[in-house]
Structures are given as structure tokens and as C-alpha cells.
C-alpha atoms as a PDB file:
ATOM      1  CA  UNK A   1      24.288 -42.767  10.197  1.00  0.00           C
ATOM      2  CA  UNK A   2      21.896 -40.511  12.093  1.00  0.00           C
ATOM      3  CA  UNK A   3      21.330 -36.892  11.106  1.00  0.00           C
ATOM      4  CA  UNK A   4      19.910 -33.902  12.942  1.00  0.00           C
ATOM      5  CA  UNK A   5      17.920 -30.816  12.178  1.00  0.00           C
ATOM      6  CA  UNK A   6      19.221 -27.974  14.308  1.00  0.00           C
ATOM      7  CA  UNK A   7      16.951 -24.944  14.229  1.00  0.00           C
ATOM      8  CA  UNK A   8      16.986 -21.556  15.908  1.00  0.00           C
ATOM      9  CA  UNK A   9      13.723 -19.628  15.707  1.00  0.00           C
ATOM     10  CA  UNK A  10      12.546 -16.166  16.727  1.00  0.00           C
ATOM     11  CA  UNK A  11       8.757 -15.841  16.557  1.00  0.00           C
ATOM     12  CA  UNK A  12       7.020 -12.532  15.786  1.00  0.00           C
ATOM     13  CA  UNK A  13       3.407 -13.786  15.661  1.00  0.00           C
ATOM     14  CA  UNK A  14       2.805 -16.650  18.137  1.00  0.00           C
ATOM     15  CA  UNK A  15      -0.813 -17.200  17.039  1.00  0.00           C
ATOM     16  CA  UNK A  16       0.087 -17.732  13.385  1.00  0.00           C
ATOM     17  CA  UNK A  17       3.221 -19.701  14.345  1.00  0.00           C
ATOM     18  CA  UNK A  18       0.993 -22.170  16.173  1.00  0.00           C
ATOM     19  CA  UNK A  19      -0.377 -23.180  12.763  1.00  0.00           C
ATOM     20  CA  UNK A  20       3.154 -24.327  11.902  1.00  0.00           C
ATOM     21  CA  UNK A  21       3.702 -26.176  15.187  1.00  0.00           C
ATOM     22  CA  UNK A  22       0.407 -28.041  14.716  1.00  0.00           C
ATOM     23  CA  UNK A  23       1.370 -29.266  11.232  1.00  0.00           C
ATOM     24  CA  UNK A  24       5.143 -29.814  11.179  1.00  0.00           C
ATOM     25  CA  UNK A  25       5.239 -32.811  13.579  1.00  0.00           C
ATOM     26  CA  UNK A  26       3.243 -34.837  11.022  1.00  0.00           C
ATOM     27  CA  UNK A  27       6.073 -34.417   8.520  1.00  0.00           C
ATOM     28  CA  UNK A  28       8.697 -35.291  11.134  1.00  0.00           C
ATOM     29  CA  UNK A  29       6.816 -38.471  12.042  1.00  0.00           C
ATOM     30  CA  UNK A  30       6.373 -39.489   8.404  1.00  0.00           C
ATOM     31  CA  UNK A  31      10.157 -39.391   7.932  1.00  0.00           C
ATOM     32  CA  UNK A  32      11.018 -40.990  11.277  1.00  0.00           C
ATOM     33  CA  UNK A  33      12.036 -37.754  12.973  1.00  0.00           C
ATOM     34  CA  UNK A  34      12.227 -37.650  16.762  1.00  0.00           C
ATOM     35  CA  UNK A  35      12.153 -34.309  18.552  1.00  0.00           C
ATOM     36  CA  UNK A  36      15.003 -34.257  21.070  1.00  0.00           C
ATOM     37  CA  UNK A  37      14.744 -30.610  22.105  1.00  0.00           C
ATOM     38  CA  UNK A  38      12.066 -28.004  21.424  1.00  0.00           C
ATOM     39  CA  UNK A  39      11.956 -24.696  23.221  1.00  0.00           C
ATOM     40  CA  UNK A  40      12.931 -24.992  26.842  1.00  0.00           C
ATOM     41  CA  UNK A  41      15.730 -23.150  28.543  1.00  0.00           C
ATOM     42  CA  UNK A  42      18.777 -22.218  26.508  1.00  0.00           C
ATOM     43  CA  UNK A  43      21.673 -19.822  26.739  1.00  0.00           C
ATOM     44  CA  UNK A  44      23.997 -18.701  23.953  1.00  0.00           C
ATOM     45  CA  UNK A  45      27.587 -19.171  25.053  1.00  0.00           C
ATOM     46  CA  UNK A  46      29.100 -17.832  21.808  1.00  0.00           C
ATOM     47  CA  UNK A  47      27.883 -16.264  18.608  1.00  0.00           C
ATOM     48  CA  UNK A  48      24.532 -14.629  18.147  1.00  0.00           C
ATOM     49  CA  UNK A  49      22.134 -13.829  21.002  1.00  0.00           C
ATOM     50  CA  UNK A  50      20.000 -16.666  22.369  1.00  0.00           C
ATOM     51  CA  UNK A  51      17.072 -17.354  20.023  1.00  0.00           C
ATOM     52  CA  UNK A  52      13.567 -17.651  21.433  1.00  0.00           C
ATOM     53  CA  UNK A  53      13.411 -21.327  20.466  1.00  0.00           C
ATOM     54  CA  UNK A  54      16.046 -23.944  19.725  1.00  0.00           C
ATOM     55  CA  UNK A  55      15.007 -27.266  18.219  1.00  0.00           C
ATOM     56  CA  UNK A  56      16.892 -30.531  17.613  1.00  0.00           C
ATOM     57  CA  UNK A  57      15.254 -33.340  15.618  1.00  0.00           C
ATOM     58  CA  UNK A  58      16.945 -36.709  15.073  1.00  0.00           C
ATOM     59  CA  UNK A  59      16.505 -38.781  11.895  1.00  0.00           C
ATOM     60  CA  UNK A  60      17.877 -42.226  11.093  1.00  0.00           C
ATOM     61  CA  UNK A  61      19.789 -40.894   8.085  1.00  0.00           C
ATOM     62  CA  UNK A  62      20.888 -37.701   6.385  1.00  0.00           C
ATOM     63  CA  UNK A  63      18.747 -38.634   3.381  1.00  0.00           C
ATOM     64  CA  UNK A  64      15.599 -38.903   5.532  1.00  0.00           C
ATOM     65  CA  UNK A  65      16.313 -35.545   7.154  1.00  0.00           C
ATOM     66  CA  UNK A  66      16.722 -33.822   3.794  1.00  0.00           C
ATOM     67  CA  UNK A  67      13.707 -35.610   2.298  1.00  0.00           C
ATOM     68  CA  UNK A  68      11.565 -34.467   5.214  1.00  0.00           C
ATOM     69  CA  UNK A  69      12.577 -30.833   4.737  1.00  0.00           C
ATOM     70  CA  UNK A  70      11.920 -30.981   1.000  1.00  0.00           C
ATOM     71  CA  UNK A  71       8.623 -32.879   1.341  1.00  0.00           C
ATOM     72  CA  UNK A  72       5.331 -31.302   0.322  1.00  0.00           C
ATOM     73  CA  UNK A  73       3.988 -32.034   3.809  1.00  0.00           C
ATOM     74  CA  UNK A  74       6.756 -30.075   5.546  1.00  0.00           C
ATOM     75  CA  UNK A  75       6.766 -27.256   2.988  1.00  0.00           C
ATOM     76  CA  UNK A  76       3.027 -26.798   3.538  1.00  0.00           C
ATOM     77  CA  UNK A  77       3.632 -26.513   7.292  1.00  0.00           C
ATOM     78  CA  UNK A  78       6.577 -24.171   6.710  1.00  0.00           C
ATOM     79  CA  UNK A  79       4.289 -21.876   4.734  1.00  0.00           C
ATOM     80  CA  UNK A  80       2.518 -21.107   8.019  1.00  0.00           C
ATOM     81  CA  UNK A  81       5.850 -20.113   9.593  1.00  0.00           C
ATOM     82  CA  UNK A  82       7.026 -17.886   6.753  1.00  0.00           C
ATOM     83  CA  UNK A  83       6.610 -14.218   7.597  1.00  0.00           C
ATOM     84  CA  UNK A  84       5.841 -14.824  11.286  1.00  0.00           C
ATOM     85  CA  UNK A  85       9.182 -16.240  12.439  1.00  0.00           C
ATOM     86  CA  UNK A  86      12.844 -15.952  11.556  1.00  0.00           C
ATOM     87  CA  UNK A  87      14.304 -19.439  11.358  1.00  0.00           C
ATOM     88  CA  UNK A  88      17.738 -20.909  10.744  1.00  0.00           C
ATOM     89  CA  UNK A  89      17.598 -24.629   9.944  1.00  0.00           C
ATOM     90  CA  UNK A  90      20.727 -26.722   9.465  1.00  0.00           C
ATOM     91  CA  UNK A  91      20.842 -30.439   8.702  1.00  0.00           C
ATOM     92  CA  UNK A  92      23.977 -32.141   9.983  1.00  0.00           C
ATOM     93  CA  UNK A  93      25.100 -35.743   9.751  1.00  0.00           C
ATOM     94  CA  UNK A  94      25.909 -37.377  13.077  1.00  0.00           C
ATOM     95  CA  UNK A  95      29.404 -38.468  14.017  1.00  0.00           C
ATOM     96  CA  UNK A  96      30.518 -42.073  13.959  1.00  0.00           C
ATOM     97  CA  UNK A  97      30.834 -43.604  17.433  1.00  0.00           C
ATOM     98  CA  UNK A  98      34.340 -43.394  18.836  1.00  0.00           C
END
């Protein structure tokens, strides 16, 4: 069953954050991740204020999504995001077709 990374990100240093955005897609690709939404227009309808960036990445399985996050390749990329962006990342398993 498919799984999704859902991330909300507020960036404080766009130049340094670009180091993350240049590296992270390599990890996503290695684990079969497909970016479905990244940035673009968004509007919070409930809950916290609209983040600067919202991201949705699809994986073929929950295990692949978790493995990608925990991988050395992604953690190295994430190191370039730490301290220059506030991120919330949730991995959620997709629903079975109705």
C-alpha cells in the first residue's frame, strides 16, 4: 500500500536551504519517492497558519517511506536544512481503495 510524506516547512535562510533542496531529491529517487506537491499555492483552512512550503511525496510502501527518511543519504541532506528551516514531517500510509 502506498505511503506519503507530508511536510510543512518554514524557511529562515533560503540560501542555505537550497543546499537541502539540491540533495534531498536524490534520496527520494533512490527509494522510489515521487514528489506530488512542493511549494506552490496553499491556504490553511484549519489549524496552524499556512506554512511557507507544503510538500507531499508518494512512496510505493510505508516501509520505503520510512527507510528513505532514516537513510544516510536523506539524513545528510537534512543536515543542510537543520537550523535554517522549521519542518514538520509526517509519514502516513495510504488508504485502501473503496
